[in-house]
Amino acid sequence: MARARSGWISGGEQADLSRRWVAGLGDGSAGDVGAYIVPCADGLCADGGGPLVAHDPQYAADGSVRWTIDRPQPSGPGWWQGTLAWSHRTGTVGRIHLPGGLGWDVLGANSNEDPALLAAGAFPSVHGDTTHLTRERARYAFGAAQEASQLPSDTTARRVLWSGTIDGWWTDVIAVTSLSGAHVVTVATATPQADGTPAEERRLTEVLPAGPLERVGLAWKQAVLPGVAGLVGPVGAVSAQVVSADGGRHPVALVDGAGSADVVDPVRADFLDASGRVLATVPVRTQDTDGLTPALP
């Protein structure tokens, strides 16, 4: 018999709005359906039509993403209702957009994923050691990566690129590889609490084209620490140069492929091998909690 499954719509200040994902029926297997209602309070939808719901992203080998975007039907004055089928158990079901400048928000349901199953095949990591990766930390990191991809776990592969601590933050970089070979790479960071559970969670998710993960380089800055850039380079990189907005170049030594730099307004990172040859050049992305968002149709 189908089981009730609760869910949520995320968002800090946005959570004050009376938007919610109604309990769906099913256990996450193919064909299960969840219903959602979207109250548009305070006239937020009055000047821009109804909400949009994006779901089921399709990743091409070149790293491009195509979303299915629905327009829920009005079910009353200021109310919209729709249904989504889910074929997997990840926590994110889709993204929802309301007019009024609020942007895309997460439409989700409670995840039933087992972190031990998500971690299967994810080791050895591309860089460094992962013996410090406790079950609680792995639960957060692998769950965040799989959820960010919005892909079924049984059709994807996972691999740890690097795991460690940068400026006091747990930092786990995990790639979820789609059937096309494109990689959905998530940098999941959190501050450790005394009981070993994560807090103040932040994520950066980027879609990269198919290819060896050993060639991947990433650079990011946290929204709460805008002057700190985290770095994970391709295999063979022993140093990086972080370029700031004013053109300054800031050298960083990498340990096990990773490092950090205190740089005001970092915009780009060059990863170099022992001979000084540039292996990869990447932009510095800003980390947040929003994940991937589609373009408005």
Protein backbone atom coordinates (compact mmCIF):
# COMPACT_ATOMS: atom_id res chain seq x y z
CA MET A 1 0.00 0.00 0.00
CA ALA A 2 1.27 3.49 -0.79
CA ARG A 3 2.63 5.43 2.14
CA ALA A 4 2.18 9.11 2.91
CA ARG A 5 5.30 11.13 2.25
CA SER A 6 5.76 14.62 3.57
CA GLY A 7 7.69 17.39 1.94
CA TRP A 8 8.70 21.01 2.02
CA ILE A 9 9.59 24.11 0.11
CA SER A 10 12.85 25.58 1.32
CA GLY A 11 13.97 29.16 1.75
CA GLY A 12 15.03 31.49 4.56
CA GLU A 13 12.83 34.56 4.55
CA GLN A 14 10.78 33.01 1.77
CA ALA A 15 9.71 30.25 4.16
CA ASP A 16 7.41 32.80 5.84
CA LEU A 17 5.22 32.63 2.76
CA SER A 18 2.46 30.08 2.96
CA ARG A 19 3.81 27.84 0.22
CA ARG A 20 3.95 24.16 0.83
CA TRP A 21 4.38 20.79 -0.73
CA VAL A 22 1.44 18.64 0.36
CA ALA A 23 2.01 15.09 1.58
CA GLY A 24 2.32 12.78 -1.41
CA LEU A 25 1.51 9.12 -1.68
CA GLY A 26 4.15 6.53 -2.41
CA ASP A 27 7.54 5.30 -1.33
CA GLY A 28 9.61 6.89 -4.10
CA SER A 29 9.29 4.17 -6.70
CA ALA A 30 8.38 4.86 -10.32
CA GLY A 31 4.91 6.22 -10.85
CA ASP A 32 4.45 7.66 -7.37
CA VAL A 33 2.85 11.09 -7.35
CA GLY A 34 3.12 14.04 -4.97
CA ALA A 35 0.75 16.98 -4.92
CA TYR A 36 1.72 20.55 -4.12
CA ILE A 37 -0.19 23.76 -3.57
CA VAL A 38 1.23 27.24 -4.00
CA PRO A 39 -0.60 30.07 -2.24
CA CYS A 40 0.50 33.38 -3.73
CA ALA A 41 0.13 35.63 -0.71
CA ASP A 42 0.25 39.43 -0.61
CA GLY A 43 -0.35 39.82 -4.34
CA LEU A 44 3.06 38.35 -5.24
CA CYS A 45 1.68 36.74 -8.38
CA ALA A 46 -0.67 39.53 -9.35
CA ASP A 47 1.65 41.25 -11.82
CA GLY A 48 3.51 38.29 -13.26
CA GLY A 49 1.11 35.42 -13.70
CA GLY A 50 1.33 32.15 -11.84
CA PRO A 51 4.28 30.12 -10.58
CA LEU A 52 6.57 27.92 -12.66
CA VAL A 53 7.77 24.48 -11.61
CA ALA A 54 10.97 23.04 -13.14
CA HIS A 55 11.80 19.36 -12.74
CA ASP A 56 13.54 16.33 -14.28
CA PRO A 57 16.74 18.01 -15.53
CA GLN A 58 18.40 16.24 -18.46
CA TYR A 59 22.19 16.55 -18.62
CA ALA A 60 23.88 16.42 -22.02
CA ALA A 61 27.47 15.22 -22.42
CA ASP A 62 28.61 18.79 -23.11
CA GLY A 63 27.35 19.89 -19.66
CA SER A 64 24.22 21.66 -20.86
CA VAL A 65 20.99 21.11 -18.90
CA ARG A 66 17.43 20.91 -20.19
CA TRP A 67 14.56 21.22 -17.68
CA THR A 68 10.89 20.34 -17.98
CA ILE A 69 8.94 23.43 -16.89
CA ASP A 70 5.26 23.25 -15.91
CA ARG A 71 2.73 25.97 -15.19
CA PRO A 72 0.43 24.80 -12.35
CA GLN A 73 -3.26 25.37 -12.88
CA PRO A 74 -5.14 27.84 -10.66
CA SER A 75 -7.43 26.09 -8.22
CA GLY A 76 -8.88 29.20 -6.61
CA PRO A 77 -8.18 32.92 -6.14
CA GLY A 78 -4.44 33.18 -5.50
CA TRP A 79 -3.92 29.40 -5.35
CA TRP A 80 -2.24 26.99 -7.75
CA GLN A 81 -2.09 23.25 -7.51
CA GLY A 82 -0.19 20.60 -9.40
CA THR A 83 1.25 17.12 -9.20
CA LEU A 84 4.68 15.69 -9.91
CA ALA A 85 5.66 12.08 -10.42
CA TRP A 86 8.93 11.00 -8.89
CA SER A 87 10.93 7.96 -9.84
CA HIS A 88 13.58 8.12 -7.16
CA ARG A 89 14.08 9.01 -3.51
CA THR A 90 16.30 12.06 -3.55
CA GLY A 91 15.10 14.97 -1.46
CA THR A 92 14.74 17.52 -4.25
CA VAL A 93 11.72 17.02 -6.51
CA GLY A 94 12.01 20.24 -8.50
CA ARG A 95 12.44 23.99 -8.43
CA ILE A 96 9.63 26.50 -8.09
CA HIS A 97 9.56 30.13 -9.21
CA LEU A 98 7.21 32.86 -8.08
CA PRO A 99 6.97 36.27 -9.74
CA GLY A 100 8.03 39.22 -7.65
CA GLY A 101 11.81 38.84 -7.72
CA LEU A 102 12.13 35.91 -5.32
CA GLY A 103 13.86 33.67 -7.85
CA TRP A 104 13.85 29.87 -7.87
CA ASP A 105 13.24 27.93 -4.68
CA VAL A 106 13.48 24.23 -3.84
CA LEU A 107 10.45 22.00 -4.11
CA GLY A 108 11.28 18.86 -2.22
CA ALA A 109 10.30 15.83 -0.23
CA ASN A 110 11.97 14.00 2.62
CA SER A 111 14.70 11.75 1.25
CA ASN A 112 14.77 8.00 1.86
CA GLU A 113 18.29 7.56 0.49
CA ASP A 114 20.73 5.38 2.43
CA PRO A 115 24.10 7.18 2.60
CA ALA A 116 25.90 3.85 2.69
CA LEU A 117 24.38 2.97 -0.69
CA LEU A 118 25.21 6.41 -2.08
CA ALA A 119 28.82 5.98 -0.98
CA ALA A 120 29.17 2.64 -2.75
CA GLY A 121 31.74 2.96 -5.54
CA ALA A 122 32.67 6.52 -4.57
CA PHE A 123 36.16 5.61 -3.34
CA PRO A 124 39.07 5.91 -3.65
CA SER A 125 38.86 9.66 -3.89
CA VAL A 126 40.59 11.51 -6.71
CA HIS A 127 42.70 13.37 -4.14
CA GLY A 128 43.85 12.60 -0.61
CA ASP A 129 42.53 10.42 2.21
CA THR A 130 38.90 9.94 3.32
CA THR A 131 39.27 7.94 6.54
CA HIS A 132 37.92 10.96 8.47
CA LEU A 133 34.59 10.78 6.62
CA THR A 134 32.25 9.68 9.43
CA ARG A 135 28.79 8.27 8.78
CA GLU A 136 27.08 11.52 9.80
CA ARG A 137 29.33 13.58 7.60
CA ALA A 138 28.93 11.15 4.71
CA ARG A 139 25.16 11.26 5.16
CA TYR A 140 25.20 15.02 4.66
CA ALA A 141 27.81 15.15 1.90
CA PHE A 142 26.51 12.33 -0.31
CA GLY A 143 22.91 13.32 0.33
CA ALA A 144 23.66 16.92 -0.66
CA ALA A 145 25.41 15.85 -3.87
CA GLN A 146 22.73 13.41 -4.99
CA GLU A 147 19.94 15.81 -4.07
CA ALA A 148 21.61 18.64 -5.98
CA SER A 149 21.72 16.53 -9.13
CA GLN A 150 17.99 15.69 -8.92
CA LEU A 151 18.85 12.37 -10.57
CA PRO A 152 17.93 8.83 -9.49
CA SER A 153 20.74 7.25 -7.51
CA ASP A 154 20.41 3.94 -9.36
CA THR A 155 21.20 5.58 -12.71
CA THR A 156 24.20 7.61 -11.54
CA ALA A 157 27.71 7.00 -10.26
CA ARG A 158 29.34 8.97 -7.45
CA ARG A 159 33.01 9.77 -6.79
CA VAL A 160 34.73 11.79 -4.09
CA LEU A 161 37.08 14.35 -5.59
CA TRP A 162 38.42 15.61 -2.26
CA SER A 163 37.39 15.64 1.39
CA GLY A 164 38.93 17.61 4.22
CA THR A 165 38.71 20.85 6.21
CA ILE A 166 39.22 24.33 4.77
CA ASP A 167 39.33 27.27 7.20
CA GLY A 168 37.48 25.26 9.86
CA TRP A 169 34.72 24.10 7.49
CA TRP A 170 34.11 20.50 6.56
CA THR A 171 34.54 20.47 2.80
CA ASP A 172 33.48 17.49 0.68
CA VAL A 173 33.63 17.65 -3.11
CA ILE A 174 31.55 14.92 -4.73
CA ALA A 175 30.71 14.25 -8.38
CA VAL A 176 27.45 12.61 -9.46
CA THR A 177 27.86 11.35 -13.01
CA SER A 178 24.80 11.10 -15.24
CA LEU A 179 24.11 8.53 -17.96
CA SER A 180 25.43 10.98 -20.57
CA GLY A 181 28.76 11.21 -18.75
CA ALA A 182 28.20 14.80 -17.60
CA HIS A 183 29.24 15.41 -14.00
CA VAL A 184 27.13 17.27 -11.45
CA VAL A 185 29.80 18.31 -8.94
CA THR A 186 28.81 19.60 -5.51
CA VAL A 187 31.05 21.28 -2.94
CA ALA A 188 29.26 20.58 0.33
CA THR A 189 30.56 22.53 3.33
CA ALA A 190 29.39 22.66 6.92
CA THR A 191 30.65 23.60 10.36
CA PRO A 192 31.02 20.58 12.67
CA GLN A 193 29.02 20.53 15.89
CA ALA A 194 30.15 18.89 19.13
CA ASP A 195 28.03 15.80 18.42
CA GLY A 196 29.64 15.32 15.02
CA THR A 197 26.68 16.53 12.96
CA PRO A 198 26.93 19.34 10.39
CA ALA A 199 25.56 22.87 10.81
CA GLU A 200 25.52 26.05 8.70
CA GLU A 201 25.43 24.00 5.54
CA ARG A 202 26.47 25.59 2.24
CA ARG A 203 26.69 24.16 -1.25
CA LEU A 204 28.06 24.94 -4.65
CA THR A 205 26.84 22.82 -7.57
CA GLU A 206 28.29 22.98 -11.06
CA VAL A 207 27.61 20.87 -14.14
CA LEU A 208 30.76 19.83 -16.02
CA PRO A 209 31.01 18.06 -19.39
CA ALA A 210 31.84 14.38 -19.69
CA GLY A 211 35.50 13.57 -19.20
CA PRO A 212 37.97 12.28 -16.62
CA LEU A 213 37.37 13.63 -13.11
CA GLU A 214 41.15 13.73 -12.70
CA ARG A 215 41.14 16.82 -14.94
CA VAL A 216 38.56 18.76 -12.93
CA GLY A 217 39.48 22.01 -11.18
CA LEU A 218 37.12 23.99 -8.95
CA ALA A 219 37.33 27.32 -7.11
CA TRP A 220 34.67 28.81 -4.87
CA LYS A 221 34.04 31.40 -2.20
CA GLN A 222 31.52 31.08 0.58
CA ALA A 223 28.74 33.60 0.79
CA VAL A 224 29.50 34.02 4.52
CA LEU A 225 33.28 34.26 3.95
CA PRO A 226 33.55 36.28 0.73
CA GLY A 227 37.31 36.78 1.10
CA VAL A 228 38.18 33.07 1.37
CA ALA A 229 38.56 31.05 -1.81
CA GLY A 230 38.54 27.24 -1.65
CA LEU A 231 40.42 25.33 -4.33
CA VAL A 232 40.51 21.75 -5.63
CA GLY A 233 42.70 21.24 -8.66
CA PRO A 234 43.22 18.56 -11.29
CA VAL A 235 45.57 15.66 -10.63
CA GLY A 236 49.15 16.89 -10.95
CA ALA A 237 48.45 20.42 -9.73
CA VAL A 238 50.80 21.42 -6.92
CA SER A 239 49.95 25.12 -6.75
CA ALA A 240 47.39 27.68 -7.84
CA GLN A 241 47.27 31.36 -8.54
CA VAL A 242 44.07 33.12 -7.53
CA VAL A 243 43.38 36.25 -9.56
CA SER A 244 41.45 39.04 -7.85
CA ALA A 245 39.17 41.60 -9.46
CA ASP A 246 41.96 44.22 -9.43
CA GLY A 247 44.25 41.91 -11.43
CA GLY A 248 46.40 40.83 -8.49
CA ARG A 249 47.75 37.27 -8.51
CA HIS A 250 47.90 35.35 -5.24
CA PRO A 251 49.95 32.11 -5.11
CA VAL A 252 48.61 29.14 -3.14
CA ALA A 253 50.36 25.86 -2.36
CA LEU A 254 48.09 22.83 -2.76
CA VAL A 255 48.20 19.84 -0.41
CA ASP A 256 46.66 16.66 -1.81
CA GLY A 257 45.25 18.80 -4.60
CA ALA A 258 43.44 21.34 -2.41
CA GLY A 259 44.02 24.64 -0.64
CA SER A 260 42.56 28.03 0.22
CA ALA A 261 43.47 31.68 -0.14
CA ASP A 262 42.52 34.88 1.64
CA VAL A 263 41.78 37.09 -1.36
CA VAL A 264 39.47 40.08 -1.68
CA ASP A 265 37.12 39.64 -4.65
CA PRO A 266 38.66 36.49 -6.19
CA VAL A 267 37.47 35.95 -9.77
CA ARG A 268 39.66 33.23 -11.32
CA ALA A 269 42.07 30.45 -10.39
CA ASP A 270 44.90 28.96 -12.44
CA PHE A 271 46.14 25.48 -11.42
CA LEU A 272 49.79 24.74 -12.14
CA ASP A 273 51.96 21.61 -12.14
CA ALA A 274 55.49 21.39 -10.72
CA SER A 275 56.97 22.87 -13.90
CA GLY A 276 54.67 25.92 -13.76
CA ARG A 277 52.49 24.75 -16.65
CA VAL A 278 48.83 25.74 -16.33
CA LEU A 279 46.67 22.60 -16.14
CA ALA A 280 43.30 24.32 -15.75
CA THR A 281 41.78 27.77 -15.44
CA VAL A 282 38.40 28.11 -13.72
CA PRO A 283 36.17 30.96 -12.49
CA VAL A 284 35.62 31.43 -8.76
CA ARG A 285 31.97 30.60 -8.04
CA THR A 286 29.98 31.87 -5.07
CA GLN A 287 28.71 29.17 -2.75
CA ASP A 288 25.14 29.33 -1.46
CA THR A 289 22.32 26.93 -0.64
CA ASP A 290 20.24 27.30 -3.81
CA GLY A 291 21.79 24.66 -6.07
CA LEU A 292 21.10 24.48 -9.78
CA THR A 293 18.47 26.83 -11.16
CA PRO A 294 16.97 26.85 -14.66
CA ALA A 295 16.68 29.87 -16.90
CA LEU A 296 13.25 31.43 -17.11
CA PRO A 297 11.35 30.40 -20.27
